Each structure stands twice: as C-alpha cells, then as structure tokens.
Amino acid sequence: MPAVLILGLILWPLLDSRLGPGIARRLGWRAWPAPKRNVITGTIWFAGLAIIAALTLWSALAPQLCIPWPYNGPVCGA
C-alpha cells in the first residue's frame, strides 16, 4: 500500500496536467483551473486522503470490527 500511495502522489500532477484540459473542454470551460483553485481534483484528492485516514483509524482503533463483504466473507481491520 505505501508504494501505491507514493506513486499516486508522484503521478497525480502529471495526470492532472495531461487529463485536465480534456475534461475542461468536455465541461465547456475555457481552461483547466490552477491546482489550488480546482474543485474537481481538490475533491478527489481530499476524498482519497479521507479514505486512507479512515482505513488507518479503523485498523488501529477497532481491529476486531468486521464489515460484511458479499464475495469473500467479512473484512476485518487487523
């Protein structure tokens, strides 16, 4: 997991610069906003960080808590 996270942090600006202008054209925008003013990538970034934080807290604070999963049985924190 840490390797994927580090790769994501490194590749995120490249993906944003490559895919952003195409998404802007589809949304009818003249240009893709700068990183600090972009609502779409900012929301995706914070949602990803929130998911990572929630999974970390879940495994640290409640390792006995299991969530039912239909395909391979319950998923537990630890």
PDB file of N, CA and C in Angstrom:
ATOM      1  N   MET A   1       0.803  -1.198   0.000  1.00  0.00           N
ATOM      2  CA  MET A   1       0.000   0.000   0.000  1.00  0.00           C
ATOM      3  C   MET A   1       0.851   1.270   0.000  1.00  0.00           C
ATOM      4  N   PRO A   2       1.909   1.369   0.802  1.00  0.00           N
ATOM      5  CA  PRO A   2       2.702   2.603   0.769  1.00  0.00           C
ATOM      6  C   PRO A   2       3.306   2.898  -0.605  1.00  0.00           C
ATOM      7  N   ALA A   3       3.717   1.874  -1.335  1.00  0.00           N
ATOM      8  CA  ALA A   3       4.295   2.108  -2.660  1.00  0.00           C
ATOM      9  C   ALA A   3       3.255   2.697  -3.605  1.00  0.00           C
ATOM     10  N   VAL A   4       2.030   2.205  -3.541  1.00  0.00           N
ATOM     11  CA  VAL A   4       0.959   2.735  -4.382  1.00  0.00           C
ATOM     12  C   VAL A   4       0.656   4.180  -4.000  1.00  0.00           C
ATOM     13  N   LEU A   5       0.667   4.468  -2.719  1.00  0.00           N
ATOM     14  CA  LEU A   5       0.411   5.829  -2.251  1.00  0.00           C
ATOM     15  C   LEU A   5       1.494   6.788  -2.734  1.00  0.00           C
ATOM     16  N   ILE A   6       2.739   6.384  -2.642  1.00  0.00           N
ATOM     17  CA  ILE A   6       3.847   7.235  -3.096  1.00  0.00           C
ATOM     18  C   ILE A   6       3.777   7.441  -4.607  1.00  0.00           C
ATOM     19  N   LEU A   7       3.489   6.382  -5.354  1.00  0.00           N
ATOM     20  CA  LEU A   7       3.335   6.527  -6.807  1.00  0.00           C
ATOM     21  C   LEU A   7       2.187   7.469  -7.145  1.00  0.00           C
ATOM     22  N   GLY A   8       1.087   7.347  -6.406  1.00  0.00           N
ATOM     23  CA  GLY A   8      -0.044   8.243  -6.631  1.00  0.00           C
ATOM     24  C   GLY A   8       0.311   9.696  -6.382  1.00  0.00           C
ATOM     25  N   LEU A   9       1.053   9.942  -5.307  1.00  0.00           N
ATOM     26  CA  LEU A   9       1.461  11.314  -5.004  1.00  0.00           C
ATOM     27  C   LEU A   9       2.411  11.869  -6.061  1.00  0.00           C
ATOM     28  N   ILE A  10       3.258  11.012  -6.609  1.00  0.00           N
ATOM     29  CA  ILE A  10       4.199  11.458  -7.639  1.00  0.00           C
ATOM     30  C   ILE A  10       3.488  11.665  -8.977  1.00  0.00           C
ATOM     31  N   LEU A  11       2.586  10.764  -9.331  1.00  0.00           N
ATOM     32  CA  LEU A  11       1.942  10.820 -10.639  1.00  0.00           C
ATOM     33  C   LEU A  11       0.737  11.753 -10.699  1.00  0.00           C
ATOM     34  N   TRP A  12       0.185  12.154  -9.553  1.00  0.00           N
ATOM     35  CA  TRP A  12      -1.017  12.990  -9.552  1.00  0.00           C
ATOM     36  C   TRP A  12      -0.844  14.276 -10.371  1.00  0.00           C
ATOM     37  N   PRO A  13       0.224  15.055 -10.197  1.00  0.00           N
ATOM     38  CA  PRO A  13       0.361  16.278 -11.012  1.00  0.00           C
ATOM     39  C   PRO A  13       0.465  15.979 -12.507  1.00  0.00           C
ATOM     40  N   LEU A  14       1.099  14.868 -12.863  1.00  0.00           N
ATOM     41  CA  LEU A  14       1.204  14.518 -14.280  1.00  0.00           C
ATOM     42  C   LEU A  14      -0.165  14.172 -14.860  1.00  0.00           C
ATOM     43  N   LEU A  15      -0.950  13.392 -14.118  1.00  0.00           N
ATOM     44  CA  LEU A  15      -2.299  13.058 -14.580  1.00  0.00           C
ATOM     45  C   LEU A  15      -3.160  14.313 -14.678  1.00  0.00           C
ATOM     46  N   ASP A  16      -3.034  15.193 -13.709  1.00  0.00           N
ATOM     47  CA  ASP A  16      -3.815  16.428 -13.704  1.00  0.00           C
ATOM     48  C   ASP A  16      -3.474  17.292 -14.908  1.00  0.00           C
ATOM     49  N   SER A  17      -2.198  17.404 -15.242  1.00  0.00           N
ATOM     50  CA  SER A  17      -1.807  18.246 -16.373  1.00  0.00           C
ATOM     51  C   SER A  17      -2.161  17.611 -17.715  1.00  0.00           C
ATOM     52  N   ARG A  18      -2.159  16.273 -17.787  1.00  0.00           N
ATOM     53  CA  ARG A  18      -2.480  15.597 -19.054  1.00  0.00           C
ATOM     54  C   ARG A  18      -3.984  15.496 -19.297  1.00  0.00           C
ATOM     55  N   LEU A  19      -4.728  15.073 -18.284  1.00  0.00           N
ATOM     56  CA  LEU A  19      -6.156  14.822 -18.455  1.00  0.00           C
ATOM     57  C   LEU A  19      -7.011  16.062 -18.213  1.00  0.00           C
ATOM     58  N   GLY A  20      -6.494  17.014 -17.466  1.00  0.00           N
ATOM     59  CA  GLY A  20      -7.268  18.193 -17.098  1.00  0.00           C
ATOM     60  C   GLY A  20      -7.824  18.999 -18.259  1.00  0.00           C
ATOM     61  N   PRO A  21      -7.015  19.380 -19.237  1.00  0.00           N
ATOM     62  CA  PRO A  21      -7.550  20.179 -20.347  1.00  0.00           C
ATOM     63  C   PRO A  21      -8.666  19.473 -21.123  1.00  0.00           C
ATOM     64  N   GLY A  22      -8.563  18.165 -21.292  1.00  0.00           N
ATOM     65  CA  GLY A  22      -9.634  17.426 -21.972  1.00  0.00           C
ATOM     66  C   GLY A  22     -10.932  17.438 -21.183  1.00  0.00           C
ATOM     67  N   ILE A  23     -10.816  17.286 -19.875  1.00  0.00           N
ATOM     68  CA  ILE A  23     -12.004  17.343 -19.019  1.00  0.00           C
ATOM     69  C   ILE A  23     -12.606  18.745 -19.062  1.00  0.00           C
ATOM     70  N   ALA A  24     -11.756  19.764 -19.072  1.00  0.00           N
ATOM     71  CA  ALA A  24     -12.241  21.150 -19.136  1.00  0.00           C
ATOM     72  C   ALA A  24     -13.025  21.392 -20.423  1.00  0.00           C
ATOM     73  N   ARG A  25     -12.533  20.890 -21.538  1.00  0.00           N
ATOM     74  CA  ARG A  25     -13.251  21.058 -22.807  1.00  0.00           C
ATOM     75  C   ARG A  25     -14.609  20.367 -22.760  1.00  0.00           C
ATOM     76  N   ARG A  26     -14.674  19.174 -22.173  1.00  0.00           N
ATOM     77  CA  ARG A  26     -15.952  18.455 -22.081  1.00  0.00           C
ATOM     78  C   ARG A  26     -16.951  19.177 -21.183  1.00  0.00           C
ATOM     79  N   LEU A  27     -16.450  19.865 -20.157  1.00  0.00           N
ATOM     80  CA  LEU A  27     -17.331  20.610 -19.260  1.00  0.00           C
ATOM     81  C   LEU A  27     -17.675  21.998 -19.796  1.00  0.00           C
ATOM     82  N   GLY A  28     -17.072  22.379 -20.922  1.00  0.00           N
ATOM     83  CA  GLY A  28     -17.337  23.679 -21.516  1.00  0.00           C
ATOM     84  C   GLY A  28     -16.539  24.811 -20.897  1.00  0.00           C
ATOM     85  N   TRP A  29     -15.486  24.502 -20.185  1.00  0.00           N
ATOM     86  CA  TRP A  29     -14.637  25.521 -19.576  1.00  0.00           C
ATOM     87  C   TRP A  29     -13.603  25.978 -20.598  1.00  0.00           C
ATOM     88  N   ARG A  30     -13.128  27.207 -20.470  1.00  0.00           N
ATOM     89  CA  ARG A  30     -12.088  27.695 -21.377  1.00  0.00           C
ATOM     90  C   ARG A  30     -10.724  27.118 -21.037  1.00  0.00           C
ATOM     91  N   ALA A  31     -10.462  26.911 -19.748  1.00  0.00           N
ATOM     92  CA  ALA A  31      -9.155  26.392 -19.316  1.00  0.00           C
ATOM     93  C   ALA A  31      -9.338  25.557 -18.055  1.00  0.00           C
ATOM     94  N   TRP A  32      -8.375  24.713 -17.797  1.00  0.00           N
ATOM     95  CA  TRP A  32      -8.355  23.897 -16.584  1.00  0.00           C
ATOM     96  C   TRP A  32      -7.787  24.755 -15.460  1.00  0.00           C
ATOM     97  N   PRO A  33      -8.504  24.908 -14.332  1.00  0.00           N
ATOM     98  CA  PRO A  33      -8.034  25.794 -13.259  1.00  0.00           C
ATOM     99  C   PRO A  33      -6.698  25.348 -12.666  1.00  0.00           C
ATOM    100  N   ALA A  34      -6.011  26.292 -12.079  1.00  0.00           N
ATOM    101  CA  ALA A  34      -4.743  26.003 -11.396  1.00  0.00           C
ATOM    102  C   ALA A  34      -5.003  25.056 -10.228  1.00  0.00           C
ATOM    103  N   PRO A  35      -3.992  24.317  -9.792  1.00  0.00           N
ATOM    104  CA  PRO A  35      -4.196  23.302  -8.756  1.00  0.00           C
ATOM    105  C   PRO A  35      -4.877  23.783  -7.478  1.00  0.00           C
ATOM    106  N   LYS A  36      -4.588  24.963  -7.000  1.00  0.00           N
ATOM    107  CA  LYS A  36      -5.200  25.413  -5.744  1.00  0.00           C
ATOM    108  C   LYS A  36      -6.634  25.890  -5.926  1.00  0.00           C
ATOM    109  N   ARG A  37      -7.077  26.066  -7.159  1.00  0.00           N
ATOM    110  CA  ARG A  37      -8.424  26.573  -7.403  1.00  0.00           C
ATOM    111  C   ARG A  37      -9.289  25.578  -8.167  1.00  0.00           C
ATOM    112  N   ASN A  38      -8.896  24.334  -8.215  1.00  0.00           N
ATOM    113  CA  ASN A  38      -9.619  23.341  -8.988  1.00  0.00           C
ATOM    114  C   ASN A  38     -10.506  22.513  -8.059  1.00  0.00           C
ATOM    115  N   VAL A  39     -11.798  22.645  -8.218  1.00  0.00           N
ATOM    116  CA  VAL A  39     -12.754  21.969  -7.341  1.00  0.00           C
ATOM    117  C   VAL A  39     -12.755  20.460  -7.572  1.00  0.00           C
ATOM    118  N   ILE A  40     -12.654  20.017  -8.808  1.00  0.00           N
ATOM    119  CA  ILE A  40     -12.757  18.588  -9.120  1.00  0.00           C
ATOM    120  C   ILE A  40     -11.574  17.815  -8.553  1.00  0.00           C
ATOM    121  N   THR A  41     -10.359  18.195  -8.908  1.00  0.00           N
ATOM    122  CA  THR A  41      -9.204  17.435  -8.420  1.00  0.00           C
ATOM    123  C   THR A  41      -8.991  17.634  -6.928  1.00  0.00           C
ATOM    124  N   GLY A  42      -9.361  18.792  -6.406  1.00  0.00           N
ATOM    125  CA  GLY A  42      -9.272  19.001  -4.962  1.00  0.00           C
ATOM    126  C   GLY A  42     -10.202  18.074  -4.203  1.00  0.00           C
ATOM    127  N   THR A  43     -11.412  17.896  -4.711  1.00  0.00           N
ATOM    128  CA  THR A  43     -12.372  16.993  -4.074  1.00  0.00           C
ATOM    129  C   THR A  43     -11.889  15.553  -4.133  1.00  0.00           C
ATOM    130  N   ILE A  44     -11.383  15.123  -5.281  1.00  0.00           N
ATOM    131  CA  ILE A  44     -10.867  13.756  -5.408  1.00  0.00           C
ATOM    132  C   ILE A  44      -9.679  13.554  -4.473  1.00  0.00           C
ATOM    133  N   TRP A  45      -8.803  14.540  -4.389  1.00  0.00           N
ATOM    134  CA  TRP A  45      -7.620  14.448  -3.527  1.00  0.00           C
ATOM    135  C   TRP A  45      -8.025  14.295  -2.062  1.00  0.00           C
ATOM    136  N   PHE A  46      -8.925  15.164  -1.586  1.00  0.00           N
ATOM    137  CA  PHE A  46      -9.335  15.096  -0.185  1.00  0.00           C
ATOM    138  C   PHE A  46     -10.147  13.840   0.113  1.00  0.00           C
ATOM    139  N   ALA A  47     -10.954  13.377  -0.841  1.00  0.00           N
ATOM    140  CA  ALA A  47     -11.694  12.131  -0.629  1.00  0.00           C
ATOM    141  C   ALA A  47     -10.729  10.953  -0.502  1.00  0.00           C
ATOM    142  N   GLY A  48      -9.694  10.930  -1.322  1.00  0.00           N
ATOM    143  CA  GLY A  48      -8.689   9.866  -1.220  1.00  0.00           C
ATOM    144  C   GLY A  48      -7.960   9.894   0.108  1.00  0.00           C
ATOM    145  N   LEU A  49      -7.584  11.089   0.558  1.00  0.00           N
ATOM    146  CA  LEU A  49      -6.929  11.205   1.862  1.00  0.00           C
ATOM    147  C   LEU A  49      -7.863  10.795   2.991  1.00  0.00           C
ATOM    148  N   ALA A  50      -9.145  11.133   2.884  1.00  0.00           N
ATOM    149  CA  ALA A  50     -10.110  10.756   3.920  1.00  0.00           C
ATOM    150  C   ALA A  50     -10.290   9.244   3.978  1.00  0.00           C
ATOM    151  N   ILE A  51     -10.314   8.583   2.822  1.00  0.00           N
ATOM    152  CA  ILE A  51     -10.437   7.121   2.792  1.00  0.00           C
ATOM    153  C   ILE A  51      -9.219   6.478   3.435  1.00  0.00           C
ATOM    154  N   ILE A  52      -8.034   6.960   3.109  1.00  0.00           N
ATOM    155  CA  ILE A  52      -6.810   6.409   3.707  1.00  0.00           C
ATOM    156  C   ILE A  52      -6.806   6.633   5.215  1.00  0.00           C
ATOM    157  N   ALA A  53      -7.211   7.824   5.659  1.00  0.00           N
ATOM    158  CA  ALA A  53      -7.258   8.108   7.100  1.00  0.00           C
ATOM    159  C   ALA A  53      -8.282   7.227   7.801  1.00  0.00           C
ATOM    160  N   ALA A  54      -9.445   7.035   7.184  1.00  0.00           N
ATOM    161  CA  ALA A  54     -10.479   6.191   7.797  1.00  0.00           C
ATOM    162  C   ALA A  54     -10.013   4.746   7.913  1.00  0.00           C
ATOM    163  N   LEU A  55      -9.374   4.225   6.879  1.00  0.00           N
ATOM    164  CA  LEU A  55      -8.876   2.849   6.936  1.00  0.00           C
ATOM    165  C   LEU A  55      -7.776   2.701   7.978  1.00  0.00           C
ATOM    166  N   THR A  56      -6.925   3.707   8.097  1.00  0.00           N
ATOM    167  CA  THR A  56      -5.861   3.664   9.097  1.00  0.00           C
ATOM    168  C   THR A  56      -6.438   3.683  10.509  1.00  0.00           C
ATOM    169  N   LEU A  57      -7.377   4.582  10.750  1.00  0.00           N
ATOM    170  CA  LEU A  57      -8.000   4.640  12.077  1.00  0.00           C
ATOM    171  C   LEU A  57      -8.779   3.370  12.389  1.00  0.00           C
ATOM    172  N   TRP A  58      -9.458   2.829  11.387  1.00  0.00           N
ATOM    173  CA  TRP A  58     -10.226   1.597  11.579  1.00  0.00           C
ATOM    174  C   TRP A  58      -9.314   0.460  12.019  1.00  0.00           C
ATOM    175  N   SER A  59      -8.195   0.291  11.337  1.00  0.00           N
ATOM    176  CA  SER A  59      -7.300  -0.815  11.679  1.00  0.00           C
ATOM    177  C   SER A  59      -6.581  -0.577  13.001  1.00  0.00           C
ATOM    178  N   ALA A  60      -6.347   0.686  13.368  1.00  0.00           N
ATOM    179  CA  ALA A  60      -5.633   0.972  14.607  1.00  0.00           C
ATOM    180  C   ALA A  60      -6.540   0.949  15.831  1.00  0.00           C
ATOM    181  N   LEU A  61      -7.748   1.469  15.694  1.00  0.00           N
ATOM    182  CA  LEU A  61      -8.613   1.632  16.861  1.00  0.00           C
ATOM    183  C   LEU A  61      -9.608   0.494  17.065  1.00  0.00           C
ATOM    184  N   ALA A  62     -10.009  -0.167  16.007  1.00  0.00           N
ATOM    185  CA  ALA A  62     -11.018  -1.217  16.143  1.00  0.00           C
ATOM    186  C   ALA A  62     -10.649  -2.433  15.292  1.00  0.00           C
ATOM    187  N   PRO A  63      -9.559  -3.127  15.624  1.00  0.00           N
ATOM    188  CA  PRO A  63      -9.157  -4.270  14.795  1.00  0.00           C
ATOM    189  C   PRO A  63     -10.151  -5.425  14.832  1.00  0.00           C
ATOM    190  N   GLN A  64     -10.999  -5.492  15.849  1.00  0.00           N
ATOM    191  CA  GLN A  64     -11.966  -6.578  15.936  1.00  0.00           C
ATOM    192  C   GLN A  64     -13.229  -6.290  15.123  1.00  0.00           C
ATOM    193  N   LEU A  65     -13.397  -5.053  14.647  1.00  0.00           N
ATOM    194  CA  LEU A  65     -14.571  -4.674  13.876  1.00  0.00           C
ATOM    195  C   LEU A  65     -14.490  -5.277  12.477  1.00  0.00           C
ATOM    196  N   CYS A  66     -15.527  -5.983  12.072  1.00  0.00           N
ATOM    197  CA  CYS A  66     -15.560  -6.601  10.744  1.00  0.00           C
ATOM    198  C   CYS A  66     -16.741  -6.044   9.952  1.00  0.00           C
ATOM    199  N   ILE A  67     -16.514  -5.802   8.678  1.00  0.00           N
ATOM    200  CA  ILE A  67     -17.564  -5.334   7.781  1.00  0.00           C
ATOM    201  C   ILE A  67     -17.950  -6.501   6.877  1.00  0.00           C
ATOM    202  N   PRO A  68     -19.243  -6.832   6.764  1.00  0.00           N
ATOM    203  CA  PRO A  68     -19.635  -7.935   5.885  1.00  0.00           C
ATOM    204  C   PRO A  68     -19.332  -7.610   4.422  1.00  0.00           C
ATOM    205  N   TRP A  69     -18.784  -8.569   3.731  1.00  0.00           N
ATOM    206  CA  TRP A  69     -18.438  -8.396   2.323  1.00  0.00           C
ATOM    207  C   TRP A  69     -18.995  -9.591   1.569  1.00  0.00           C
ATOM    208  N   PRO A  70     -19.774  -9.375   0.515  1.00  0.00           N
ATOM    209  CA  PRO A  70     -20.503 -10.488  -0.109  1.00  0.00           C
ATOM    210  C   PRO A  70     -19.636 -11.507  -0.846  1.00  0.00           C
ATOM    211  N   TYR A  71     -18.470 -11.130  -1.315  1.00  0.00           N
ATOM    212  CA  TYR A  71     -17.703 -12.034  -2.167  1.00  0.00           C
ATOM    213  C   TYR A  71     -16.771 -12.970  -1.409  1.00  0.00           C
ATOM    214  N   ASN A  72     -16.017 -12.447  -0.461  1.00  0.00           N
ATOM    215  CA  ASN A  72     -15.010 -13.287   0.185  1.00  0.00           C
ATOM    216  C   ASN A  72     -15.137 -13.310   1.703  1.00  0.00           C
ATOM    217  N   GLY A  73     -16.295 -13.019   2.228  1.00  0.00           N
ATOM    218  CA  GLY A  73     -16.510 -13.063   3.665  1.00  0.00           C
ATOM    219  C   GLY A  73     -16.216 -11.728   4.320  1.00  0.00           C
ATOM    220  N   PRO A  74     -16.231 -11.689   5.649  1.00  0.00           N
ATOM    221  CA  PRO A  74     -16.047 -10.416   6.343  1.00  0.00           C
ATOM    222  C   PRO A  74     -14.634  -9.857   6.192  1.00  0.00           C
ATOM    223  N   VAL A  75     -14.554  -8.542   6.179  1.00  0.00           N
ATOM    224  CA  VAL A  75     -13.274  -7.845   6.112  1.00  0.00           C
ATOM    225  C   VAL A  75     -13.047  -7.216   7.475  1.00  0.00           C
ATOM    226  N   CYS A  76     -11.953  -7.595   8.134  1.00  0.00           N
ATOM    227  CA  CYS A  76     -11.666  -7.101   9.477  1.00  0.00           C
ATOM    228  C   CYS A  76     -10.492  -6.125   9.436  1.00  0.00           C
ATOM    229  N   GLY A  77     -10.403  -5.276  10.446  1.00  0.00           N
ATOM    230  CA  GLY A  77      -9.381  -4.231  10.490  1.00  0.00           C
ATOM    231  C   GLY A  77      -7.967  -4.745  10.618  1.00  0.00           C
ATOM    232  N   ALA A  78      -7.768  -5.814  11.341  1.00  0.00           N
ATOM    233  CA  ALA A  78      -6.398  -6.285  11.561  1.00  0.00           C
ATOM    234  C   ALA A  78      -6.089  -7.512  10.733  1.00  0.00           C
TER     235      ALA A  78
END
